[in-house]
Amino acid sequence: MYLIKIYVTYKQSILDPKGEAVNDALHRLGYNNVEQVELGKYFEIKLCADDRPVETEVDEMCDQLLANVNMETYRYEITEMEAL
């Protein structure tokens, strides 16, 4: 079994309105040293191994559902878990 941690964020060329709103709010609270805030999505998936490579399955999940590949990019970490 594998634990997959997936991080999805906007591409550099895409405006992040929620990140801008949080950045502005932090400035209003006096945190003027904050340069930029980027919001994203985080997923944890436990995946049982089969005959397909884990990376292939994760890429397919991200491309088909978890990330909007036109606007977002993703990265992931794969950790092998001990069987229970």
PDB file of N, CA and C in Angstrom:
ATOM      1  N   MET A   1       0.855  -1.179   0.000  1.00  0.00           N
ATOM      2  CA  MET A   1       0.000   0.000   0.000  1.00  0.00           C
ATOM      3  C   MET A   1       0.894   1.233   0.000  1.00  0.00           C
ATOM      4  N   TYR A   2       0.404   2.271  -0.650  1.00  0.00           N
ATOM      5  CA  TYR A   2       1.143   3.521  -0.770  1.00  0.00           C
ATOM      6  C   TYR A   2       0.307   4.677  -0.238  1.00  0.00           C
ATOM      7  N   LEU A   3       0.982   5.632   0.356  1.00  0.00           N
ATOM      8  CA  LEU A   3       0.357   6.893   0.739  1.00  0.00           C
ATOM      9  C   LEU A   3       0.844   7.934  -0.257  1.00  0.00           C
ATOM     10  N   ILE A   4      -0.107   8.549  -0.966  1.00  0.00           N
ATOM     11  CA  ILE A   4       0.212   9.566  -1.955  1.00  0.00           C
ATOM     12  C   ILE A   4      -0.262  10.911  -1.408  1.00  0.00           C
ATOM     13  N   LYS A   5       0.657  11.881  -1.361  1.00  0.00           N
ATOM     14  CA  LYS A   5       0.314  13.249  -0.979  1.00  0.00           C
ATOM     15  C   LYS A   5       0.404  14.095  -2.239  1.00  0.00           C
ATOM     16  N   ILE A   6      -0.731  14.709  -2.611  1.00  0.00           N
ATOM     17  CA  ILE A   6      -0.822  15.463  -3.863  1.00  0.00           C
ATOM     18  C   ILE A   6      -1.072  16.932  -3.548  1.00  0.00           C
ATOM     19  N   TYR A   7      -0.271  17.797  -4.168  1.00  0.00           N
ATOM     20  CA  TYR A   7      -0.381  19.242  -3.994  1.00  0.00           C
ATOM     21  C   TYR A   7      -0.739  19.856  -5.352  1.00  0.00           C
ATOM     22  N   VAL A   8      -1.852  20.600  -5.388  1.00  0.00           N
ATOM     23  CA  VAL A   8      -2.326  21.215  -6.628  1.00  0.00           C
ATOM     24  C   VAL A   8      -2.333  22.732  -6.423  1.00  0.00           C
ATOM     25  N   THR A   9      -1.690  23.460  -7.334  1.00  0.00           N
ATOM     26  CA  THR A   9      -1.660  24.924  -7.265  1.00  0.00           C
ATOM     27  C   THR A   9      -1.876  25.497  -8.662  1.00  0.00           C
ATOM     28  N   TYR A  10      -2.206  26.785  -8.692  1.00  0.00           N
ATOM     29  CA  TYR A  10      -2.354  27.458  -9.983  1.00  0.00           C
ATOM     30  C   TYR A  10      -1.004  27.534 -10.688  1.00  0.00           C
ATOM     31  N   LYS A  11      -1.030  27.500 -12.004  1.00  0.00           N
ATOM     32  CA  LYS A  11       0.174  27.749 -12.782  1.00  0.00           C
ATOM     33  C   LYS A  11       0.603  29.194 -12.560  1.00  0.00           C
ATOM     34  N   GLN A  12       1.887  29.475 -12.787  1.00  0.00           N
ATOM     35  CA  GLN A  12       2.426  30.818 -12.566  1.00  0.00           C
ATOM     36  C   GLN A  12       1.690  31.879 -13.373  1.00  0.00           C
ATOM     37  N   SER A  13       1.182  31.534 -14.550  1.00  0.00           N
ATOM     38  CA  SER A  13       0.540  32.517 -15.427  1.00  0.00           C
ATOM     39  C   SER A  13      -0.922  32.793 -15.057  1.00  0.00           C
ATOM     40  N   ILE A  14      -1.467  32.092 -14.071  1.00  0.00           N
ATOM     41  CA  ILE A  14      -2.881  32.220 -13.699  1.00  0.00           C
ATOM     42  C   ILE A  14      -3.007  33.058 -12.431  1.00  0.00           C
ATOM     43  N   LEU A  15      -3.911  34.032 -12.452  1.00  0.00           N
ATOM     44  CA  LEU A  15      -4.186  34.859 -11.282  1.00  0.00           C
ATOM     45  C   LEU A  15      -4.888  34.015 -10.216  1.00  0.00           C
ATOM     46  N   ASP A  16      -4.448  34.149  -8.981  1.00  0.00           N
ATOM     47  CA  ASP A  16      -5.031  33.428  -7.845  1.00  0.00           C
ATOM     48  C   ASP A  16      -5.817  34.429  -6.999  1.00  0.00           C
ATOM     49  N   PRO A  17      -7.115  34.628  -7.279  1.00  0.00           N
ATOM     50  CA  PRO A  17      -7.873  35.664  -6.565  1.00  0.00           C
ATOM     51  C   PRO A  17      -8.008  35.389  -5.072  1.00  0.00           C
ATOM     52  N   LYS A  18      -8.137  34.125  -4.676  1.00  0.00           N
ATOM     53  CA  LYS A  18      -8.229  33.816  -3.243  1.00  0.00           C
ATOM     54  C   LYS A  18      -6.905  34.093  -2.550  1.00  0.00           C
ATOM     55  N   GLY A  19      -5.818  33.754  -3.198  1.00  0.00           N
ATOM     56  CA  GLY A  19      -4.502  34.057  -2.637  1.00  0.00           C
ATOM     57  C   GLY A  19      -4.290  35.549  -2.482  1.00  0.00           C
ATOM     58  N   GLU A  20      -4.734  36.327  -3.477  1.00  0.00           N
ATOM     59  CA  GLU A  20      -4.635  37.783  -3.395  1.00  0.00           C
ATOM     60  C   GLU A  20      -5.470  38.325  -2.245  1.00  0.00           C
ATOM     61  N   ALA A  21      -6.667  37.772  -2.042  1.00  0.00           N
ATOM     62  CA  ALA A  21      -7.532  38.223  -0.950  1.00  0.00           C
ATOM     63  C   ALA A  21      -6.892  37.937   0.409  1.00  0.00           C
ATOM     64  N   VAL A  22      -6.297  36.772   0.565  1.00  0.00           N
ATOM     65  CA  VAL A  22      -5.620  36.439   1.819  1.00  0.00           C
ATOM     66  C   VAL A  22      -4.403  37.342   2.013  1.00  0.00           C
ATOM     67  N   ASN A  23      -3.661  37.572   0.949  1.00  0.00           N
ATOM     68  CA  ASN A  23      -2.504  38.467   1.018  1.00  0.00           C
ATOM     69  C   ASN A  23      -2.924  39.856   1.484  1.00  0.00           C
ATOM     70  N   ASP A  24      -4.003  40.387   0.894  1.00  0.00           N
ATOM     71  CA  ASP A  24      -4.505  41.710   1.286  1.00  0.00           C
ATOM     72  C   ASP A  24      -4.952  41.718   2.750  1.00  0.00           C
ATOM     73  N   ALA A  25      -5.635  40.664   3.179  1.00  0.00           N
ATOM     74  CA  ALA A  25      -6.104  40.587   4.562  1.00  0.00           C
ATOM     75  C   ALA A  25      -4.923  40.541   5.539  1.00  0.00           C
ATOM     76  N   LEU A  26      -3.893  39.800   5.199  1.00  0.00           N
ATOM     77  CA  LEU A  26      -2.704  39.754   6.058  1.00  0.00           C
ATOM     78  C   LEU A  26      -2.041  41.119   6.157  1.00  0.00           C
ATOM     79  N   HIS A  27      -2.012  41.860   5.062  1.00  0.00           N
ATOM     80  CA  HIS A  27      -1.454  43.211   5.094  1.00  0.00           C
ATOM     81  C   HIS A  27      -2.289  44.119   5.995  1.00  0.00           C
ATOM     82  N   ARG A  28      -3.620  43.991   5.907  1.00  0.00           N
ATOM     83  CA  ARG A  28      -4.489  44.805   6.769  1.00  0.00           C
ATOM     84  C   ARG A  28      -4.287  44.476   8.245  1.00  0.00           C
ATOM     85  N   LEU A  29      -3.884  43.226   8.536  1.00  0.00           N
ATOM     86  CA  LEU A  29      -3.617  42.825   9.921  1.00  0.00           C
ATOM     87  C   LEU A  29      -2.213  43.218  10.378  1.00  0.00           C
ATOM     88  N   GLY A  30      -1.467  43.846   9.497  1.00  0.00           N
ATOM     89  CA  GLY A  30      -0.148  44.325   9.883  1.00  0.00           C
ATOM     90  C   GLY A  30       1.011  43.436   9.464  1.00  0.00           C
ATOM     91  N   TYR A  31       0.747  42.366   8.747  1.00  0.00           N
ATOM     92  CA  TYR A  31       1.808  41.469   8.282  1.00  0.00           C
ATOM     93  C   TYR A  31       2.311  41.949   6.922  1.00  0.00           C
ATOM     94  N   ASN A  32       2.955  43.093   6.934  1.00  0.00           N
ATOM     95  CA  ASN A  32       3.373  43.739   5.692  1.00  0.00           C
ATOM     96  C   ASN A  32       4.583  43.082   5.040  1.00  0.00           C
ATOM     97  N   ASN A  33       5.234  42.176   5.754  1.00  0.00           N
ATOM     98  CA  ASN A  33       6.376  41.485   5.173  1.00  0.00           C
ATOM     99  C   ASN A  33       5.967  40.303   4.296  1.00  0.00           C
ATOM    100  N   VAL A  34       4.679  39.999   4.223  1.00  0.00           N
ATOM    101  CA  VAL A  34       4.186  38.928   3.352  1.00  0.00           C
ATOM    102  C   VAL A  34       4.222  39.429   1.914  1.00  0.00           C
ATOM    103  N   GLU A  35       4.945  38.720   1.068  1.00  0.00           N
ATOM    104  CA  GLU A  35       5.088  39.116  -0.331  1.00  0.00           C
ATOM    105  C   GLU A  35       3.983  38.554  -1.215  1.00  0.00           C
ATOM    106  N   GLN A  36       3.650  37.273  -1.015  1.00  0.00           N
ATOM    107  CA  GLN A  36       2.685  36.612  -1.892  1.00  0.00           C
ATOM    108  C   GLN A  36       2.079  35.416  -1.166  1.00  0.00           C
ATOM    109  N   VAL A  37       0.817  35.152  -1.433  1.00  0.00           N
ATOM    110  CA  VAL A  37       0.124  33.985  -0.897  1.00  0.00           C
ATOM    111  C   VAL A  37      -0.449  33.206  -2.065  1.00  0.00           C
ATOM    112  N   GLU A  38      -0.214  31.913  -2.066  1.00  0.00           N
ATOM    113  CA  GLU A  38      -0.795  31.031  -3.079  1.00  0.00           C
ATOM    114  C   GLU A  38      -1.631  29.983  -2.377  1.00  0.00           C
ATOM    115  N   LEU A  39      -2.872  29.864  -2.776  1.00  0.00           N
ATOM    116  CA  LEU A  39      -3.731  28.829  -2.237  1.00  0.00           C
ATOM    117  C   LEU A  39      -3.749  27.658  -3.193  1.00  0.00           C
ATOM    118  N   GLY A  40      -4.019  26.492  -2.653  1.00  0.00           N
ATOM    119  CA  GLY A  40      -4.083  25.305  -3.484  1.00  0.00           C
ATOM    120  C   GLY A  40      -4.946  24.244  -2.839  1.00  0.00           C
ATOM    121  N   LYS A  41      -4.831  23.061  -3.373  1.00  0.00           N
ATOM    122  CA  LYS A  41      -5.572  21.914  -2.849  1.00  0.00           C
ATOM    123  C   LYS A  41      -4.558  20.858  -2.424  1.00  0.00           C
ATOM    124  N   TYR A  42      -4.929  20.083  -1.413  1.00  0.00           N
ATOM    125  CA  TYR A  42      -4.080  19.021  -0.899  1.00  0.00           C
ATOM    126  C   TYR A  42      -4.911  17.755  -0.758  1.00  0.00           C
ATOM    127  N   PHE A  43      -4.392  16.660  -1.257  1.00  0.00           N
ATOM    128  CA  PHE A  43      -5.085  15.378  -1.177  1.00  0.00           C
ATOM    129  C   PHE A  43      -4.156  14.337  -0.573  1.00  0.00           C
ATOM    130  N   GLU A  44      -4.708  13.436   0.230  1.00  0.00           N
ATOM    131  CA  GLU A  44      -3.997  12.244   0.674  1.00  0.00           C
ATOM    132  C   GLU A  44      -4.786  11.043   0.192  1.00  0.00           C
ATOM    133  N   ILE A  45      -4.115  10.166  -0.526  1.00  0.00           N
ATOM    134  CA  ILE A  45      -4.766   8.987  -1.087  1.00  0.00           C
ATOM    135  C   ILE A  45      -3.974   7.763  -0.673  1.00  0.00           C
ATOM    136  N   LYS A  46      -4.660   6.756  -0.182  1.00  0.00           N
ATOM    137  CA  LYS A  46      -4.030   5.465   0.085  1.00  0.00           C
ATOM    138  C   LYS A  46      -4.372   4.558  -1.087  1.00  0.00           C
ATOM    139  N   LEU A  47      -3.348   4.013  -1.696  1.00  0.00           N
ATOM    140  CA  LEU A  47      -3.507   3.266  -2.941  1.00  0.00           C
ATOM    141  C   LEU A  47      -2.874   1.891  -2.792  1.00  0.00           C
ATOM    142  N   CYS A  48      -3.641   0.862  -3.111  1.00  0.00           N
ATOM    143  CA  CYS A  48      -3.110  -0.501  -3.109  1.00  0.00           C
ATOM    144  C   CYS A  48      -2.372  -0.744  -4.414  1.00  0.00           C
ATOM    145  N   ALA A  49      -1.248  -1.406  -4.295  1.00  0.00           N
ATOM    146  CA  ALA A  49      -0.434  -1.685  -5.479  1.00  0.00           C
ATOM    147  C   ALA A  49      -1.114  -2.729  -6.360  1.00  0.00           C
ATOM    148  N   ASP A  50      -0.955  -2.565  -7.665  1.00  0.00           N
ATOM    149  CA  ASP A  50      -1.399  -3.577  -8.616  1.00  0.00           C
ATOM    150  C   ASP A  50      -0.319  -3.703  -9.679  1.00  0.00           C
ATOM    151  N   ASP A  51      -0.663  -4.175 -10.849  1.00  0.00           N
ATOM    152  CA  ASP A  51       0.344  -4.389 -11.883  1.00  0.00           C
ATOM    153  C   ASP A  51       0.756  -3.114 -12.612  1.00  0.00           C
ATOM    154  N   ARG A  52       0.059  -2.006 -12.392  1.00  0.00           N
ATOM    155  CA  ARG A  52       0.398  -0.728 -13.042  1.00  0.00           C
ATOM    156  C   ARG A  52       1.321   0.074 -12.137  1.00  0.00           C
ATOM    157  N   PRO A  53       2.220   0.853 -12.704  1.00  0.00           N
ATOM    158  CA  PRO A  53       3.068   1.723 -11.880  1.00  0.00           C
ATOM    159  C   PRO A  53       2.227   2.748 -11.112  1.00  0.00           C
ATOM    160  N   VAL A  54       2.593   2.974  -9.870  1.00  0.00           N
ATOM    161  CA  VAL A  54       1.854   3.907  -9.020  1.00  0.00           C
ATOM    162  C   VAL A  54       1.847   5.307  -9.647  1.00  0.00           C
ATOM    163  N   GLU A  55       2.982   5.739 -10.190  1.00  0.00           N
ATOM    164  CA  GLU A  55       3.075   7.065 -10.785  1.00  0.00           C
ATOM    165  C   GLU A  55       2.085   7.244 -11.928  1.00  0.00           C
ATOM    166  N   THR A  56       1.888   6.192 -12.713  1.00  0.00           N
ATOM    167  CA  THR A  56       0.944   6.257 -13.829  1.00  0.00           C
ATOM    168  C   THR A  56      -0.477   6.477 -13.316  1.00  0.00           C
ATOM    169  N   GLU A  57      -0.850   5.750 -12.272  1.00  0.00           N
ATOM    170  CA  GLU A  57      -2.198   5.899 -11.719  1.00  0.00           C
ATOM    171  C   GLU A  57      -2.398   7.292 -11.121  1.00  0.00           C
ATOM    172  N   VAL A  58      -1.402   7.781 -10.403  1.00  0.00           N
ATOM    173  CA  VAL A  58      -1.523   9.104  -9.780  1.00  0.00           C
ATOM    174  C   VAL A  58      -1.626  10.188 -10.856  1.00  0.00           C
ATOM    175  N   ASP A  59      -0.789  10.102 -11.883  1.00  0.00           N
ATOM    176  CA  ASP A  59      -0.876  11.084 -12.974  1.00  0.00           C
ATOM    177  C   ASP A  59      -2.248  11.059 -13.634  1.00  0.00           C
ATOM    178  N   GLU A  60      -2.803   9.894 -13.856  1.00  0.00           N
ATOM    179  CA  GLU A  60      -4.137   9.795 -14.462  1.00  0.00           C
ATOM    180  C   GLU A  60      -5.203  10.411 -13.564  1.00  0.00           C
ATOM    181  N   MET A  61      -5.139  10.133 -12.249  1.00  0.00           N
ATOM    182  CA  MET A  61      -6.118  10.701 -11.313  1.00  0.00           C
ATOM    183  C   MET A  61      -6.049  12.228 -11.324  1.00  0.00           C
ATOM    184  N   CYS A  62      -4.841  12.746 -11.305  1.00  0.00           N
ATOM    185  CA  CYS A  62      -4.669  14.203 -11.296  1.00  0.00           C
ATOM    186  C   CYS A  62      -5.152  14.820 -12.600  1.00  0.00           C
ATOM    187  N   ASP A  63      -4.767  14.219 -13.723  1.00  0.00           N
ATOM    188  CA  ASP A  63      -5.153  14.763 -15.029  1.00  0.00           C
ATOM    189  C   ASP A  63      -6.648  14.696 -15.272  1.00  0.00           C
ATOM    190  N   GLN A  64      -7.306  13.655 -14.765  1.00  0.00           N
ATOM    191  CA  GLN A  64      -8.730  13.463 -15.057  1.00  0.00           C
ATOM    192  C   GLN A  64      -9.669  14.110 -14.041  1.00  0.00           C
ATOM    193  N   LEU A  65      -9.200  14.296 -12.784  1.00  0.00           N
ATOM    194  CA  LEU A  65     -10.141  14.764 -11.775  1.00  0.00           C
ATOM    195  C   LEU A  65      -9.568  15.793 -10.807  1.00  0.00           C
ATOM    196  N   LEU A  66      -8.414  15.541 -10.243  1.00  0.00           N
ATOM    197  CA  LEU A  66      -7.948  16.331  -9.114  1.00  0.00           C
ATOM    198  C   LEU A  66      -7.414  17.710  -9.491  1.00  0.00           C
ATOM    199  N   ALA A  67      -6.907  17.869 -10.705  1.00  0.00           N
ATOM    200  CA  ALA A  67      -6.360  19.158 -11.137  1.00  0.00           C
ATOM    201  C   ALA A  67      -6.965  19.551 -12.472  1.00  0.00           C
ATOM    202  N   ASN A  68      -7.199  20.827 -12.628  1.00  0.00           N
ATOM    203  CA  ASN A  68      -7.598  21.370 -13.925  1.00  0.00           C
ATOM    204  C   ASN A  68      -6.293  21.676 -14.661  1.00  0.00           C
ATOM    205  N   VAL A  69      -5.889  20.783 -15.538  1.00  0.00           N
ATOM    206  CA  VAL A  69      -4.561  20.890 -16.146  1.00  0.00           C
ATOM    207  C   VAL A  69      -4.397  22.132 -17.025  1.00  0.00           C
ATOM    208  N   ASN A  70      -5.477  22.803 -17.378  1.00  0.00           N
ATOM    209  CA  ASN A  70      -5.372  24.051 -18.132  1.00  0.00           C
ATOM    210  C   ASN A  70      -4.907  25.197 -17.248  1.00  0.00           C
ATOM    211  N   MET A  71      -5.255  25.149 -15.961  1.00  0.00           N
ATOM    212  CA  MET A  71      -4.966  26.253 -15.047  1.00  0.00           C
ATOM    213  C   MET A  71      -4.062  25.865 -13.883  1.00  0.00           C
ATOM    214  N   GLU A  72      -3.980  24.576 -13.585  1.00  0.00           N
ATOM    215  CA  GLU A  72      -3.281  24.146 -12.378  1.00  0.00           C
ATOM    216  C   GLU A  72      -2.140  23.187 -12.709  1.00  0.00           C
ATOM    217  N   THR A  73      -1.224  23.119 -11.783  1.00  0.00           N
ATOM    218  CA  THR A  73      -0.142  22.157 -11.853  1.00  0.00           C
ATOM    219  C   THR A  73      -0.174  21.324 -10.578  1.00  0.00           C
ATOM    220  N   TYR A  74       0.434  20.172 -10.614  1.00  0.00           N
ATOM    221  CA  TYR A  74       0.438  19.336  -9.419  1.00  0.00           C
ATOM    222  C   TYR A  74       1.792  18.670  -9.250  1.00  0.00           C
ATOM    223  N   ARG A  75       2.029  18.286  -8.010  1.00  0.00           N
ATOM    224  CA  ARG A  75       3.191  17.478  -7.677  1.00  0.00           C
ATOM    225  C   ARG A  75       2.744  16.512  -6.596  1.00  0.00           C
ATOM    226  N   TYR A  76       3.483  15.447  -6.444  1.00  0.00           N
ATOM    227  CA  TYR A  76       3.080  14.473  -5.431  1.00  0.00           C
ATOM    228  C   TYR A  76       4.289  13.773  -4.839  1.00  0.00           C
ATOM    229  N   GLU A  77       4.037  13.219  -3.648  1.00  0.00           N
ATOM    230  CA  GLU A  77       5.020  12.431  -2.925  1.00  0.00           C
ATOM    231  C   GLU A  77       4.412  11.047  -2.704  1.00  0.00           C
ATOM    232  N   ILE A  78       5.195  10.022  -2.936  1.00  0.00           N
ATOM    233  CA  ILE A  78       4.736   8.652  -2.755  1.00  0.00           C
ATOM    234  C   ILE A  78       5.548   8.016  -1.631  1.00  0.00           C
ATOM    235  N   THR A  79       4.850   7.479  -0.637  1.00  0.00           N
ATOM    236  CA  THR A  79       5.491   6.789   0.472  1.00  0.00           C
ATOM    237  C   THR A  79       4.916   5.385   0.560  1.00  0.00           C
ATOM    238  N   GLU A  80       5.791   4.404   0.599  1.00  0.00           N
ATOM    239  CA  GLU A  80       5.316   3.031   0.746  1.00  0.00           C
ATOM    240  C   GLU A  80       5.001   2.785   2.208  1.00  0.00           C
ATOM    241  N   MET A  81       3.800   2.230   2.460  1.00  0.00           N
ATOM    242  CA  MET A  81       3.346   1.975   3.822  1.00  0.00           C
ATOM    243  C   MET A  81       3.491   0.488   4.124  1.00  0.00           C
ATOM    244  N   GLU A  82       3.659   0.203   5.396  1.00  0.00           N
ATOM    245  CA  GLU A  82       3.719  -1.196   5.819  1.00  0.00           C
ATOM    246  C   GLU A  82       2.322  -1.795   5.743  1.00  0.00           C
ATOM    247  N   ALA A  83       2.264  -3.052   5.349  1.00  0.00           N
ATOM    248  CA  ALA A  83       0.964  -3.748   5.313  1.00  0.00           C
ATOM    249  C   ALA A  83       0.489  -3.991   6.738  1.00  0.00           C
ATOM    250  N   LEU A  84      -0.806  -3.890   6.933  1.00  0.00           N
ATOM    251  CA  LEU A  84      -1.384  -4.117   8.277  1.00  0.00           C
ATOM    252  C   LEU A  84      -1.616  -5.566   8.553  1.00  0.00           C
TER     253      LEU A  84
END
